[in-house]
Amino acid sequence: MDNWWVDFKEFFFGLWNDFIEFIKDIFLVIGELMLEGLAFVIEQLVPPDFVTGGLQEVVNSFSPTLLYLISQTGIGTGLSILGAGFAFRMVRKFATLFQW
C-alpha cells in the first residue's frame, strides 16, 4: 500500500527537479541571447580613422620632441607597470570567479 505513495513522491520530486532545471536553462538562454546581441552591436561599431592603422601609427605621428620627452620621463615604463597591474587584477578576478 505504501509503495504507490513512494512512487508518487519520487515522480513528483523528479518532476520538480526537472522544472527547476528548465527555469535555470531559460535564464541561461536569455543570458546567451543578450550576450549575442551585445556582440552584434559591438561588431557593427566602426573604428575611427586614426585607429585603423593601429597604436603604432598614432605614436609614429608624434613630434620628435614629444617622443624624446616620453622616453626621458619614463611614461612608457609607468604605463607598462599600470597595464601589468590591471592584467594581474583581471586574471585574479576571473581565477577566483569574481570573489575578490
N, C-alpha and C. Protein backbone atom coordinates (compact mmCIF):
# COMPACT_ATOMS: atom_id res chain seq x y z
N MET A 1 0.82 -1.19 0.00
CA MET A 1 0.00 0.00 0.00
C MET A 1 0.86 1.26 0.00
N ASP A 2 1.96 1.23 0.72
CA ASP A 2 2.83 2.41 0.77
C ASP A 2 3.68 2.54 -0.48
N ASN A 3 3.79 1.52 -1.27
CA ASN A 3 4.66 1.56 -2.44
C ASN A 3 4.17 2.60 -3.46
N TRP A 4 2.89 2.74 -3.66
CA TRP A 4 2.40 3.72 -4.62
C TRP A 4 2.70 5.13 -4.15
N TRP A 5 2.68 5.35 -2.82
CA TRP A 5 2.97 6.67 -2.27
C TRP A 5 4.43 7.03 -2.50
N VAL A 6 5.32 6.07 -2.30
CA VAL A 6 6.75 6.30 -2.53
C VAL A 6 6.99 6.58 -4.01
N ASP A 7 6.34 5.83 -4.87
CA ASP A 7 6.49 6.06 -6.31
C ASP A 7 5.96 7.44 -6.70
N PHE A 8 4.84 7.85 -6.10
CA PHE A 8 4.27 9.16 -6.39
C PHE A 8 5.22 10.27 -5.94
N LYS A 9 5.79 10.12 -4.73
CA LYS A 9 6.72 11.12 -4.24
C LYS A 9 7.96 11.21 -5.12
N GLU A 10 8.50 10.07 -5.54
CA GLU A 10 9.66 10.07 -6.42
C GLU A 10 9.33 10.73 -7.75
N PHE A 11 8.15 10.43 -8.28
CA PHE A 11 7.73 11.04 -9.53
C PHE A 11 7.58 12.55 -9.37
N PHE A 12 6.95 12.98 -8.29
CA PHE A 12 6.74 14.40 -8.05
C PHE A 12 8.05 15.13 -7.86
N PHE A 13 8.97 14.56 -7.07
CA PHE A 13 10.26 15.21 -6.85
C PHE A 13 11.08 15.24 -8.14
N GLY A 14 11.00 14.20 -8.94
CA GLY A 14 11.68 14.20 -10.24
C GLY A 14 11.11 15.27 -11.15
N LEU A 15 9.78 15.41 -11.14
CA LEU A 15 9.12 16.44 -11.94
C LEU A 15 9.52 17.83 -11.46
N TRP A 16 9.60 18.01 -10.15
CA TRP A 16 10.00 19.30 -9.59
C TRP A 16 11.45 19.63 -9.96
N ASN A 17 12.34 18.66 -9.86
CA ASN A 17 13.74 18.90 -10.22
C ASN A 17 13.88 19.23 -11.71
N ASP A 18 13.10 18.58 -12.54
CA ASP A 18 13.12 18.89 -13.97
C ASP A 18 12.62 20.31 -14.23
N PHE A 19 11.60 20.73 -13.49
CA PHE A 19 11.09 22.09 -13.62
C PHE A 19 12.14 23.12 -13.22
N ILE A 20 12.86 22.87 -12.13
CA ILE A 20 13.92 23.78 -11.68
C ILE A 20 15.02 23.86 -12.73
N GLU A 21 15.42 22.74 -13.31
CA GLU A 21 16.44 22.74 -14.36
C GLU A 21 15.95 23.52 -15.58
N PHE A 22 14.66 23.40 -15.90
CA PHE A 22 14.08 24.14 -17.02
C PHE A 22 14.17 25.64 -16.78
N ILE A 23 13.86 26.07 -15.57
CA ILE A 23 13.94 27.50 -15.22
C ILE A 23 15.39 27.98 -15.34
N LYS A 24 16.33 27.19 -14.85
CA LYS A 24 17.75 27.58 -14.96
C LYS A 24 18.15 27.69 -16.43
N ASP A 25 17.69 26.78 -17.25
CA ASP A 25 18.02 26.81 -18.67
C ASP A 25 17.43 28.05 -19.35
N ILE A 26 16.24 28.45 -18.92
CA ILE A 26 15.64 29.66 -19.51
C ILE A 26 16.53 30.86 -19.23
N PHE A 27 17.02 30.99 -17.99
CA PHE A 27 17.89 32.12 -17.67
C PHE A 27 19.19 32.05 -18.46
N LEU A 28 19.72 30.86 -18.67
CA LEU A 28 20.95 30.73 -19.47
C LEU A 28 20.70 31.12 -20.92
N VAL A 29 19.57 30.71 -21.46
CA VAL A 29 19.26 31.06 -22.86
C VAL A 29 19.07 32.57 -23.00
N ILE A 30 18.37 33.18 -22.05
CA ILE A 30 18.17 34.63 -22.10
C ILE A 30 19.52 35.34 -21.99
N GLY A 31 20.37 34.89 -21.09
CA GLY A 31 21.70 35.50 -20.96
C GLY A 31 22.52 35.34 -22.22
N GLU A 32 22.45 34.16 -22.83
CA GLU A 32 23.19 33.93 -24.07
C GLU A 32 22.69 34.84 -25.19
N LEU A 33 21.38 35.01 -25.29
CA LEU A 33 20.83 35.90 -26.31
C LEU A 33 21.24 37.35 -26.08
N MET A 34 21.28 37.76 -24.82
CA MET A 34 21.71 39.13 -24.52
C MET A 34 23.17 39.33 -24.90
N LEU A 35 24.01 38.36 -24.59
CA LEU A 35 25.42 38.48 -24.95
C LEU A 35 25.63 38.46 -26.46
N GLU A 36 24.86 37.65 -27.17
CA GLU A 36 24.96 37.63 -28.63
C GLU A 36 24.51 38.97 -29.21
N GLY A 37 23.48 39.57 -28.64
CA GLY A 37 23.04 40.89 -29.10
C GLY A 37 24.09 41.95 -28.85
N LEU A 38 24.72 41.90 -27.68
CA LEU A 38 25.79 42.84 -27.36
C LEU A 38 26.97 42.66 -28.30
N ALA A 39 27.32 41.42 -28.60
CA ALA A 39 28.43 41.16 -29.53
C ALA A 39 28.09 41.68 -30.91
N PHE A 40 26.84 41.54 -31.35
CA PHE A 40 26.43 42.05 -32.65
C PHE A 40 26.56 43.57 -32.71
N VAL A 41 26.12 44.23 -31.64
CA VAL A 41 26.20 45.70 -31.60
C VAL A 41 27.66 46.15 -31.64
N ILE A 42 28.52 45.49 -30.89
CA ILE A 42 29.94 45.86 -30.87
C ILE A 42 30.57 45.62 -32.23
N GLU A 43 30.20 44.53 -32.90
CA GLU A 43 30.75 44.25 -34.23
C GLU A 43 30.33 45.29 -35.25
N GLN A 44 29.18 45.93 -35.06
CA GLN A 44 28.70 46.92 -36.01
C GLN A 44 29.36 48.29 -35.83
N LEU A 45 30.06 48.51 -34.72
CA LEU A 45 30.73 49.78 -34.50
C LEU A 45 31.91 49.92 -35.45
N VAL A 46 32.05 51.09 -36.04
CA VAL A 46 33.14 51.35 -36.97
C VAL A 46 34.22 52.13 -36.22
N PRO A 47 35.47 51.64 -36.23
CA PRO A 47 36.52 52.37 -35.52
C PRO A 47 36.85 53.68 -36.23
N PRO A 48 37.32 54.68 -35.49
CA PRO A 48 37.69 55.95 -36.12
C PRO A 48 38.90 55.78 -37.05
N ASP A 49 39.09 56.74 -37.93
CA ASP A 49 40.15 56.65 -38.93
C ASP A 49 41.55 56.60 -38.32
N PHE A 50 41.77 57.33 -37.22
CA PHE A 50 43.12 57.36 -36.67
C PHE A 50 43.49 56.06 -35.94
N VAL A 51 42.52 55.18 -35.70
CA VAL A 51 42.81 53.93 -35.01
C VAL A 51 42.99 52.77 -35.99
N THR A 52 42.56 52.94 -37.22
CA THR A 52 42.59 51.83 -38.17
C THR A 52 44.00 51.34 -38.44
N GLY A 53 44.99 52.21 -38.35
CA GLY A 53 46.38 51.81 -38.59
C GLY A 53 47.03 51.20 -37.36
N GLY A 54 46.40 51.27 -36.22
CA GLY A 54 46.96 50.72 -35.00
C GLY A 54 47.58 51.80 -34.14
N LEU A 55 47.93 51.43 -32.95
CA LEU A 55 48.50 52.38 -31.99
C LEU A 55 49.89 52.84 -32.42
N GLN A 56 50.64 51.96 -33.08
CA GLN A 56 51.98 52.34 -33.51
C GLN A 56 51.94 53.48 -34.52
N GLU A 57 50.95 53.49 -35.39
CA GLU A 57 50.83 54.58 -36.35
C GLU A 57 50.53 55.90 -35.65
N VAL A 58 49.73 55.84 -34.59
CA VAL A 58 49.43 57.06 -33.83
C VAL A 58 50.69 57.56 -33.15
N VAL A 59 51.47 56.66 -32.54
CA VAL A 59 52.69 57.07 -31.85
C VAL A 59 53.71 57.59 -32.86
N ASN A 60 53.78 57.01 -34.04
CA ASN A 60 54.72 57.48 -35.06
C ASN A 60 54.40 58.89 -35.53
N SER A 61 53.16 59.32 -35.38
CA SER A 61 52.80 60.67 -35.81
C SER A 61 53.16 61.73 -34.77
N PHE A 62 53.63 61.34 -33.59
CA PHE A 62 54.06 62.30 -32.58
C PHE A 62 55.30 63.03 -33.07
N SER A 63 55.48 64.25 -32.58
CA SER A 63 56.68 65.01 -32.95
C SER A 63 57.90 64.41 -32.24
N PRO A 64 59.09 64.57 -32.80
CA PRO A 64 60.29 64.03 -32.17
C PRO A 64 60.52 64.58 -30.76
N THR A 65 60.15 65.82 -30.52
CA THR A 65 60.32 66.42 -29.20
C THR A 65 59.44 65.69 -28.19
N LEU A 66 58.22 65.41 -28.55
CA LEU A 66 57.32 64.69 -27.65
C LEU A 66 57.81 63.27 -27.40
N LEU A 67 58.31 62.61 -28.43
CA LEU A 67 58.85 61.26 -28.25
C LEU A 67 60.05 61.26 -27.31
N TYR A 68 60.91 62.27 -27.42
CA TYR A 68 62.07 62.39 -26.53
C TYR A 68 61.60 62.60 -25.08
N LEU A 69 60.61 63.48 -24.90
CA LEU A 69 60.07 63.74 -23.56
C LEU A 69 59.47 62.48 -22.94
N ILE A 70 58.74 61.73 -23.74
CA ILE A 70 58.13 60.49 -23.24
C ILE A 70 59.21 59.49 -22.85
N SER A 71 60.25 59.37 -23.65
CA SER A 71 61.31 58.39 -23.34
C SER A 71 62.11 58.80 -22.12
N GLN A 72 62.33 60.10 -21.90
CA GLN A 72 63.13 60.55 -20.77
C GLN A 72 62.36 60.56 -19.45
N THR A 73 61.07 60.76 -19.49
CA THR A 73 60.30 60.80 -18.24
C THR A 73 59.88 59.42 -17.75
N GLY A 74 59.96 58.41 -18.60
CA GLY A 74 59.60 57.07 -18.17
C GLY A 74 58.10 56.81 -18.18
N ILE A 75 57.38 57.59 -18.95
CA ILE A 75 55.92 57.40 -19.03
C ILE A 75 55.61 56.01 -19.60
N GLY A 76 56.40 55.58 -20.57
CA GLY A 76 56.17 54.26 -21.16
C GLY A 76 56.31 53.15 -20.14
N THR A 77 57.34 53.24 -19.31
CA THR A 77 57.54 52.24 -18.26
C THR A 77 56.41 52.28 -17.24
N GLY A 78 56.00 53.48 -16.88
CA GLY A 78 54.90 53.62 -15.92
C GLY A 78 53.61 53.03 -16.45
N LEU A 79 53.32 53.30 -17.72
CA LEU A 79 52.11 52.72 -18.32
C LEU A 79 52.21 51.20 -18.41
N SER A 80 53.42 50.69 -18.65
CA SER A 80 53.60 49.23 -18.68
C SER A 80 53.32 48.62 -17.32
N ILE A 81 53.79 49.28 -16.26
CA ILE A 81 53.54 48.78 -14.90
C ILE A 81 52.04 48.83 -14.58
N LEU A 82 51.38 49.93 -14.95
CA LEU A 82 49.93 50.02 -14.73
C LEU A 82 49.18 48.94 -15.50
N GLY A 83 49.58 48.70 -16.74
CA GLY A 83 48.93 47.66 -17.54
C GLY A 83 49.13 46.28 -16.95
N ALA A 84 50.36 46.01 -16.46
CA ALA A 84 50.61 44.71 -15.84
C ALA A 84 49.78 44.54 -14.58
N GLY A 85 49.66 45.60 -13.79
CA GLY A 85 48.83 45.53 -12.58
C GLY A 85 47.36 45.29 -12.91
N PHE A 86 46.86 45.97 -13.92
CA PHE A 86 45.47 45.76 -14.34
C PHE A 86 45.26 44.35 -14.86
N ALA A 87 46.20 43.85 -15.65
CA ALA A 87 46.08 42.49 -16.17
C ALA A 87 46.09 41.47 -15.03
N PHE A 88 46.98 41.67 -14.04
CA PHE A 88 47.01 40.77 -12.89
C PHE A 88 45.68 40.79 -12.14
N ARG A 89 45.12 41.98 -11.97
CA ARG A 89 43.85 42.11 -11.26
C ARG A 89 42.73 41.37 -12.00
N MET A 90 42.69 41.52 -13.32
CA MET A 90 41.65 40.86 -14.10
C MET A 90 41.82 39.33 -14.07
N VAL A 91 43.05 38.86 -14.15
CA VAL A 91 43.29 37.41 -14.10
C VAL A 91 42.88 36.88 -12.73
N ARG A 92 43.19 37.62 -11.67
CA ARG A 92 42.81 37.20 -10.32
C ARG A 92 41.30 37.16 -10.18
N LYS A 93 40.60 38.15 -10.73
CA LYS A 93 39.14 38.16 -10.64
C LYS A 93 38.53 36.96 -11.37
N PHE A 94 39.04 36.66 -12.58
CA PHE A 94 38.50 35.53 -13.32
C PHE A 94 38.87 34.20 -12.65
N ALA A 95 40.07 34.11 -12.11
CA ALA A 95 40.51 32.86 -11.48
C ALA A 95 39.72 32.55 -10.22
N THR A 96 39.31 33.57 -9.50
CA THR A 96 38.54 33.36 -8.26
C THR A 96 37.05 33.50 -8.49
N LEU A 97 36.63 33.53 -9.76
CA LEU A 97 35.22 33.65 -10.12
C LEU A 97 34.58 34.87 -9.48
N PHE A 98 35.26 36.00 -9.58
CA PHE A 98 34.79 37.32 -9.13
C PHE A 98 34.52 37.39 -7.63
N GLN A 99 35.24 36.61 -6.86
CA GLN A 99 35.09 36.68 -5.41
C GLN A 99 35.96 37.77 -4.79
N TRP A 100 37.00 38.22 -5.51
CA TRP A 100 37.88 39.25 -4.97
C TRP A 100 37.52 40.57 -5.55
